[in-house]
Amino acid sequence: MDKIEPLPDHLFVSRFAIGDRVELWGKTYTVSSKTTLATGEPALVLQGEGKQFVIGASHLIKGERAS
């Protein structure tokens, strides 16, 4: 389990606006909303290629490339 760093994680997620496009794992997704996981970790709801999912900031930081 990754350590949650509240301030840096929130600052990282805050740079994304609803509708922004994000490239993860070679695929492009659209930010549909922002949320907070039960652990307190900030997260984004991403949508693309017929699926929608939530990704926490710690996982997003590892695999994200803004497009």
C-alpha atoms as a PDB file:
ATOM      1  CA  MET A   1       0.000   0.000   0.000  1.00  0.00           C
ATOM      2  CA  ASP A   2       1.304   3.434  -0.918  1.00  0.00           C
ATOM      3  CA  LYS A   3       1.705   6.120   1.709  1.00  0.00           C
ATOM      4  CA  ILE A   4      -0.835   8.900   1.354  1.00  0.00           C
ATOM      5  CA  GLU A   5       0.687  12.375   1.383  1.00  0.00           C
ATOM      6  CA  PRO A   6      -2.422  14.557   1.810  1.00  0.00           C
ATOM      7  CA  LEU A   7      -1.170  17.981   0.746  1.00  0.00           C
ATOM      8  CA  PRO A   8       1.007  16.975  -2.231  1.00  0.00           C
ATOM      9  CA  ASP A   9      -1.666  14.510  -3.416  1.00  0.00           C
ATOM     10  CA  HIS A  10      -4.426  17.141  -3.216  1.00  0.00           C
ATOM     11  CA  LEU A  11      -2.236  19.674  -5.000  1.00  0.00           C
ATOM     12  CA  PHE A  12      -1.455  17.156  -7.742  1.00  0.00           C
ATOM     13  CA  VAL A  13      -5.130  16.290  -8.303  1.00  0.00           C
ATOM     14  CA  SER A  14      -6.166  19.961  -8.168  1.00  0.00           C
ATOM     15  CA  ARG A  15      -4.309  20.662 -11.414  1.00  0.00           C
ATOM     16  CA  PHE A  16      -6.858  18.581 -13.332  1.00  0.00           C
ATOM     17  CA  ALA A  17     -10.146  20.174 -14.375  1.00  0.00           C
ATOM     18  CA  ILE A  18     -13.334  18.360 -15.297  1.00  0.00           C
ATOM     19  CA  GLY A  19     -13.080  17.569 -18.997  1.00  0.00           C
ATOM     20  CA  ASP A  20      -9.261  17.426 -19.087  1.00  0.00           C
ATOM     21  CA  ARG A  21      -7.760  14.539 -21.016  1.00  0.00           C
ATOM     22  CA  VAL A  22      -5.222  12.293 -19.293  1.00  0.00           C
ATOM     23  CA  GLU A  23      -3.069   9.584 -20.830  1.00  0.00           C
ATOM     24  CA  LEU A  24      -2.592   6.458 -18.708  1.00  0.00           C
ATOM     25  CA  TRP A  25      -1.071   3.179 -19.799  1.00  0.00           C
ATOM     26  CA  GLY A  26      -1.054   4.337 -23.415  1.00  0.00           C
ATOM     27  CA  LYS A  27      -4.765   5.193 -23.487  1.00  0.00           C
ATOM     28  CA  THR A  28      -6.493   8.566 -23.220  1.00  0.00           C
ATOM     29  CA  TYR A  29      -9.212   9.166 -20.615  1.00  0.00           C
ATOM     30  CA  THR A  30     -11.360  12.176 -19.738  1.00  0.00           C
ATOM     31  CA  VAL A  31     -11.680  13.482 -16.166  1.00  0.00           C
ATOM     32  CA  SER A  32     -15.393  13.273 -15.364  1.00  0.00           C
ATOM     33  CA  SER A  33     -15.225  14.263 -11.670  1.00  0.00           C
ATOM     34  CA  LYS A  34     -13.041  14.476  -8.569  1.00  0.00           C
ATOM     35  CA  THR A  35     -13.648  12.578  -5.357  1.00  0.00           C
ATOM     36  CA  THR A  36     -11.996  11.368  -2.159  1.00  0.00           C
ATOM     37  CA  LEU A  37     -11.471   7.712  -1.345  1.00  0.00           C
ATOM     38  CA  ALA A  38     -12.505   6.279   2.038  1.00  0.00           C
ATOM     39  CA  THR A  39      -8.832   6.446   3.072  1.00  0.00           C
ATOM     40  CA  GLY A  40      -8.842  10.223   2.545  1.00  0.00           C
ATOM     41  CA  GLU A  41      -6.796   9.996  -0.632  1.00  0.00           C
ATOM     42  CA  PRO A  42      -7.901  12.387  -3.393  1.00  0.00           C
ATOM     43  CA  ALA A  43      -8.956  10.673  -6.605  1.00  0.00           C
ATOM     44  CA  LEU A  44     -10.221  11.296 -10.115  1.00  0.00           C
ATOM     45  CA  VAL A  45     -13.081   9.598 -11.918  1.00  0.00           C
ATOM     46  CA  LEU A  46     -11.869   8.855 -15.445  1.00  0.00           C
ATOM     47  CA  GLN A  47     -13.937   7.848 -18.428  1.00  0.00           C
ATOM     48  CA  GLY A  48     -12.936   6.473 -21.798  1.00  0.00           C
ATOM     49  CA  GLU A  49     -13.187   3.538 -24.169  1.00  0.00           C
ATOM     50  CA  GLY A  50     -16.561   2.507 -22.781  1.00  0.00           C
ATOM     51  CA  LYS A  51     -15.463   2.319 -19.169  1.00  0.00           C
ATOM     52  CA  GLN A  52     -15.418   4.577 -16.135  1.00  0.00           C
ATOM     53  CA  PHE A  53     -13.217   4.098 -13.079  1.00  0.00           C
ATOM     54  CA  VAL A  54     -11.763   5.850 -10.030  1.00  0.00           C
ATOM     55  CA  ILE A  55      -8.014   6.218  -9.626  1.00  0.00           C
ATOM     56  CA  GLY A  56      -6.329   7.467  -6.480  1.00  0.00           C
ATOM     57  CA  ALA A  57      -3.690  10.182  -6.618  1.00  0.00           C
ATOM     58  CA  SER A  58      -0.836   7.839  -5.673  1.00  0.00           C
ATOM     59  CA  HIS A  59      -1.588   5.570  -8.639  1.00  0.00           C
ATOM     60  CA  LEU A  60      -2.222   8.505 -10.930  1.00  0.00           C
ATOM     61  CA  ILE A  61       1.139  10.071 -10.063  1.00  0.00           C
ATOM     62  CA  LYS A  62       2.910   6.849 -11.099  1.00  0.00           C
ATOM     63  CA  GLY A  63       1.270   6.434 -14.497  1.00  0.00           C
ATOM     64  CA  GLU A  64      -0.045   9.810 -15.633  1.00  0.00           C
ATOM     65  CA  ARG A  65       0.919  11.958 -18.566  1.00  0.00           C
ATOM     66  CA  ALA A  66      -1.330  14.942 -19.222  1.00  0.00           C
ATOM     67  CA  SER A  67      -2.308  15.360 -22.873  1.00  0.00           C
END
